[in-house]
Amino acid sequence: MTNETIDTAALEHGDVFTRPHPFTWVEEGRGDLTVERWRPGAWDITADGPDSAIAACNGLGSVTFFVVSTHKPPGYHERVFFKRQFFTPDGKAYAPSRLMNCVTRKFKRDIEKFPFPFELVEL
């Protein structure tokens, strides 16, 4: 199932949401070893001034959200417990998924789109 087929007004166990997600190609030094890999997010930032910052990425992968459950504790906002799995631009799963949680309003924003604008800059 994708975002188009699920009513986000009533999130429930088993709902699955997938959206495009930016990835940046990075080189990391680990001791004498240099590793090149995809990193989730738009990490290349350029700015001509304080209001002109633009984030850039080198590829588009995806992120899939799996709803585990929702809870509304008395006196608190409803929370969504979920797992999140990233997939690199070449289709490989990135890092194992772990249980996370946030308020429902934030979860709905997260499954809709990446939180800020970015440009795609091909390698």
C-alpha atoms as a PDB file:
ATOM      1  CA  MET A   1       0.000   0.000   0.000  1.00  0.00           C
ATOM      2  CA  THR A   2       1.143   3.554  -0.651  1.00  0.00           C
ATOM      3  CA  ASN A   3       0.078   6.966   0.616  1.00  0.00           C
ATOM      4  CA  GLU A   4      -2.596   7.293  -2.097  1.00  0.00           C
ATOM      5  CA  THR A   5      -4.500   4.205  -0.917  1.00  0.00           C
ATOM      6  CA  ILE A   6      -4.579   4.861   2.838  1.00  0.00           C
ATOM      7  CA  ASP A   7      -6.651   7.384   4.779  1.00  0.00           C
ATOM      8  CA  THR A   8      -4.152   8.988   7.172  1.00  0.00           C
ATOM      9  CA  ALA A   9      -7.003  10.281   9.352  1.00  0.00           C
ATOM     10  CA  ALA A  10      -7.190   6.883  11.066  1.00  0.00           C
ATOM     11  CA  LEU A  11      -3.729   5.356  11.365  1.00  0.00           C
ATOM     12  CA  GLU A  12      -3.689   1.748  12.468  1.00  0.00           C
ATOM     13  CA  HIS A  13      -1.374  -1.218  12.910  1.00  0.00           C
ATOM     14  CA  GLY A  14      -0.100  -2.518   9.585  1.00  0.00           C
ATOM     15  CA  ASP A  15      -0.385   0.728   7.592  1.00  0.00           C
ATOM     16  CA  VAL A  16       2.594   1.245   5.287  1.00  0.00           C
ATOM     17  CA  PHE A  17       3.652   4.550   3.722  1.00  0.00           C
ATOM     18  CA  THR A  18       6.428   5.112   1.178  1.00  0.00           C
ATOM     19  CA  ARG A  19       7.785   8.379  -0.205  1.00  0.00           C
ATOM     20  CA  PRO A  20      10.888   9.570  -2.091  1.00  0.00           C
ATOM     21  CA  HIS A  21      13.837  10.515   0.113  1.00  0.00           C
ATOM     22  CA  PRO A  22      17.073  12.375  -0.736  1.00  0.00           C
ATOM     23  CA  PHE A  23      20.469  10.721  -0.323  1.00  0.00           C
ATOM     24  CA  THR A  24      23.938  12.280  -0.390  1.00  0.00           C
ATOM     25  CA  TRP A  25      27.065  10.458  -1.576  1.00  0.00           C
ATOM     26  CA  VAL A  26      29.735  10.828   1.126  1.00  0.00           C
ATOM     27  CA  GLU A  27      33.353   9.833   1.693  1.00  0.00           C
ATOM     28  CA  GLU A  28      34.172   9.029   5.293  1.00  0.00           C
ATOM     29  CA  GLY A  29      37.554   8.324   6.784  1.00  0.00           C
ATOM     30  CA  ARG A  30      37.734   5.547   9.331  1.00  0.00           C
ATOM     31  CA  GLY A  31      41.339   5.238  10.444  1.00  0.00           C
ATOM     32  CA  ASP A  32      43.429   4.395   7.367  1.00  0.00           C
ATOM     33  CA  LEU A  33      40.304   3.350   5.477  1.00  0.00           C
ATOM     34  CA  THR A  34      38.157   5.658   3.349  1.00  0.00           C
ATOM     35  CA  VAL A  35      34.576   4.516   2.798  1.00  0.00           C
ATOM     36  CA  GLU A  36      32.204   5.862   0.151  1.00  0.00           C
ATOM     37  CA  ARG A  37      28.490   5.347   0.747  1.00  0.00           C
ATOM     38  CA  TRP A  38      24.981   6.766   0.446  1.00  0.00           C
ATOM     39  CA  ARG A  39      23.808   8.768   3.463  1.00  0.00           C
ATOM     40  CA  PRO A  40      20.080   9.572   3.951  1.00  0.00           C
ATOM     41  CA  GLY A  41      19.299  13.278   3.726  1.00  0.00           C
ATOM     42  CA  ALA A  42      20.304  16.388   1.783  1.00  0.00           C
ATOM     43  CA  TRP A  43      23.649  17.218   3.391  1.00  0.00           C
ATOM     44  CA  ASP A  44      25.342  19.496   0.843  1.00  0.00           C
ATOM     45  CA  ILE A  45      24.387  23.028   1.905  1.00  0.00           C
ATOM     46  CA  THR A  46      25.270  26.135  -0.114  1.00  0.00           C
ATOM     47  CA  ALA A  47      24.412  29.705   0.852  1.00  0.00           C
ATOM     48  CA  ASP A  48      25.038  33.178  -0.557  1.00  0.00           C
ATOM     49  CA  GLY A  49      23.575  34.792   2.549  1.00  0.00           C
ATOM     50  CA  PRO A  50      21.555  34.013   5.682  1.00  0.00           C
ATOM     51  CA  ASP A  51      18.259  33.541   3.803  1.00  0.00           C
ATOM     52  CA  SER A  52      19.585  31.771   0.725  1.00  0.00           C
ATOM     53  CA  ALA A  53      20.622  28.355   2.042  1.00  0.00           C
ATOM     54  CA  ILE A  54      19.880  25.503  -0.360  1.00  0.00           C
ATOM     55  CA  ALA A  55      20.248  21.849   0.561  1.00  0.00           C
ATOM     56  CA  ALA A  56      21.358  19.438  -2.146  1.00  0.00           C
ATOM     57  CA  CYS A  57      21.498  15.682  -2.542  1.00  0.00           C
ATOM     58  CA  ASN A  58      23.067  13.364  -5.110  1.00  0.00           C
ATOM     59  CA  GLY A  59      20.298  10.814  -5.538  1.00  0.00           C
ATOM     60  CA  LEU A  60      16.713   9.920  -4.681  1.00  0.00           C
ATOM     61  CA  GLY A  61      15.965   6.757  -2.792  1.00  0.00           C
ATOM     62  CA  SER A  62      12.921   6.085  -0.668  1.00  0.00           C
ATOM     63  CA  VAL A  63      11.800   5.714   2.910  1.00  0.00           C
ATOM     64  CA  THR A  64       9.056   3.358   4.067  1.00  0.00           C
ATOM     65  CA  PHE A  65       7.164   3.838   7.331  1.00  0.00           C
ATOM     66  CA  PHE A  66       5.468   0.850   9.025  1.00  0.00           C
ATOM     67  CA  VAL A  67       2.841   1.718  11.670  1.00  0.00           C
ATOM     68  CA  VAL A  68       3.149  -0.570  14.708  1.00  0.00           C
ATOM     69  CA  SER A  69       0.466   1.062  16.877  1.00  0.00           C
ATOM     70  CA  THR A  70      -1.057   4.343  18.046  1.00  0.00           C
ATOM     71  CA  HIS A  71      -1.668   5.391  21.647  1.00  0.00           C
ATOM     72  CA  LYS A  72      -3.445   8.330  23.316  1.00  0.00           C
ATOM     73  CA  PRO A  73      -2.293   8.561  26.948  1.00  0.00           C
ATOM     74  CA  PRO A  74      -4.604  10.686  29.128  1.00  0.00           C
ATOM     75  CA  GLY A  75      -3.484  14.322  29.040  1.00  0.00           C
ATOM     76  CA  TYR A  76      -1.065  13.840  26.115  1.00  0.00           C
ATOM     77  CA  HIS A  77      -1.236  14.014  22.333  1.00  0.00           C
ATOM     78  CA  GLU A  78      -1.758  10.793  20.385  1.00  0.00           C
ATOM     79  CA  ARG A  79       1.527   9.100  19.472  1.00  0.00           C
ATOM     80  CA  VAL A  80       2.383   6.786  16.602  1.00  0.00           C
ATOM     81  CA  PHE A  81       4.840   3.941  17.155  1.00  0.00           C
ATOM     82  CA  PHE A  82       6.488   2.979  13.868  1.00  0.00           C
ATOM     83  CA  LYS A  83       9.479   1.502  12.111  1.00  0.00           C
ATOM     84  CA  ARG A  84      11.254   3.342   9.314  1.00  0.00           C
ATOM     85  CA  GLN A  85      13.352   1.750   6.560  1.00  0.00           C
ATOM     86  CA  PHE A  86      15.480   3.733   4.098  1.00  0.00           C
ATOM     87  CA  PHE A  87      16.330   2.421   0.627  1.00  0.00           C
ATOM     88  CA  THR A  88      19.323   3.912  -1.202  1.00  0.00           C
ATOM     89  CA  PRO A  89      19.054   5.177  -4.793  1.00  0.00           C
ATOM     90  CA  ASP A  90      20.405   1.803  -5.979  1.00  0.00           C
ATOM     91  CA  GLY A  91      17.607  -0.019  -4.088  1.00  0.00           C
ATOM     92  CA  LYS A  92      19.567  -1.431  -1.143  1.00  0.00           C
ATOM     93  CA  ALA A  93      18.150  -1.310   2.391  1.00  0.00           C
ATOM     94  CA  TYR A  94      20.055   1.180   4.533  1.00  0.00           C
ATOM     95  CA  ALA A  95      20.569   0.221   8.190  1.00  0.00           C
ATOM     96  CA  PRO A  96      18.100  -1.943  10.093  1.00  0.00           C
ATOM     97  CA  SER A  97      14.772  -0.497  11.122  1.00  0.00           C
ATOM     98  CA  ARG A  98      14.168   0.277  14.799  1.00  0.00           C
ATOM     99  CA  LEU A  99      11.069   1.183  16.784  1.00  0.00           C
ATOM    100  CA  MET A 100      10.451   4.937  16.922  1.00  0.00           C
ATOM    101  CA  ASN A 101       7.591   7.187  18.037  1.00  0.00           C
ATOM    102  CA  CYS A 102       6.328  10.741  17.602  1.00  0.00           C
ATOM    103  CA  VAL A 103       3.076  12.669  17.859  1.00  0.00           C
ATOM    104  CA  THR A 104       0.564  11.865  15.115  1.00  0.00           C
ATOM    105  CA  ARG A 105       0.711  15.344  13.575  1.00  0.00           C
ATOM    106  CA  LYS A 106       4.498  15.084  13.043  1.00  0.00           C
ATOM    107  CA  PHE A 107       4.196  11.545  11.679  1.00  0.00           C
ATOM    108  CA  LYS A 108       1.679  12.708   9.056  1.00  0.00           C
ATOM    109  CA  ARG A 109       4.072  15.498   7.995  1.00  0.00           C
ATOM    110  CA  ASP A 110       6.989  13.032   7.800  1.00  0.00           C
ATOM    111  CA  ILE A 111       5.170  10.525   5.580  1.00  0.00           C
ATOM    112  CA  GLU A 112       4.090  13.338   3.244  1.00  0.00           C
ATOM    113  CA  LYS A 113       7.436  14.886   2.299  1.00  0.00           C
ATOM    114  CA  PHE A 114      11.013  15.637   3.286  1.00  0.00           C
ATOM    115  CA  PRO A 115      10.958  18.445   5.901  1.00  0.00           C
ATOM    116  CA  PHE A 116      12.700  21.112   3.787  1.00  0.00           C
ATOM    117  CA  PRO A 117      13.309  21.929   0.105  1.00  0.00           C
ATOM    118  CA  PHE A 118      16.332  20.444  -1.639  1.00  0.00           C
ATOM    119  CA  GLU A 119      17.890  20.232  -5.089  1.00  0.00           C
ATOM    120  CA  LEU A 120      19.017  17.069  -6.830  1.00  0.00           C
ATOM    121  CA  VAL A 121      22.615  17.391  -8.067  1.00  0.00           C
ATOM    122  CA  GLU A 122      23.670  14.309 -10.060  1.00  0.00           C
ATOM    123  CA  LEU A 123      27.167  12.921  -9.495  1.00  0.00           C
END
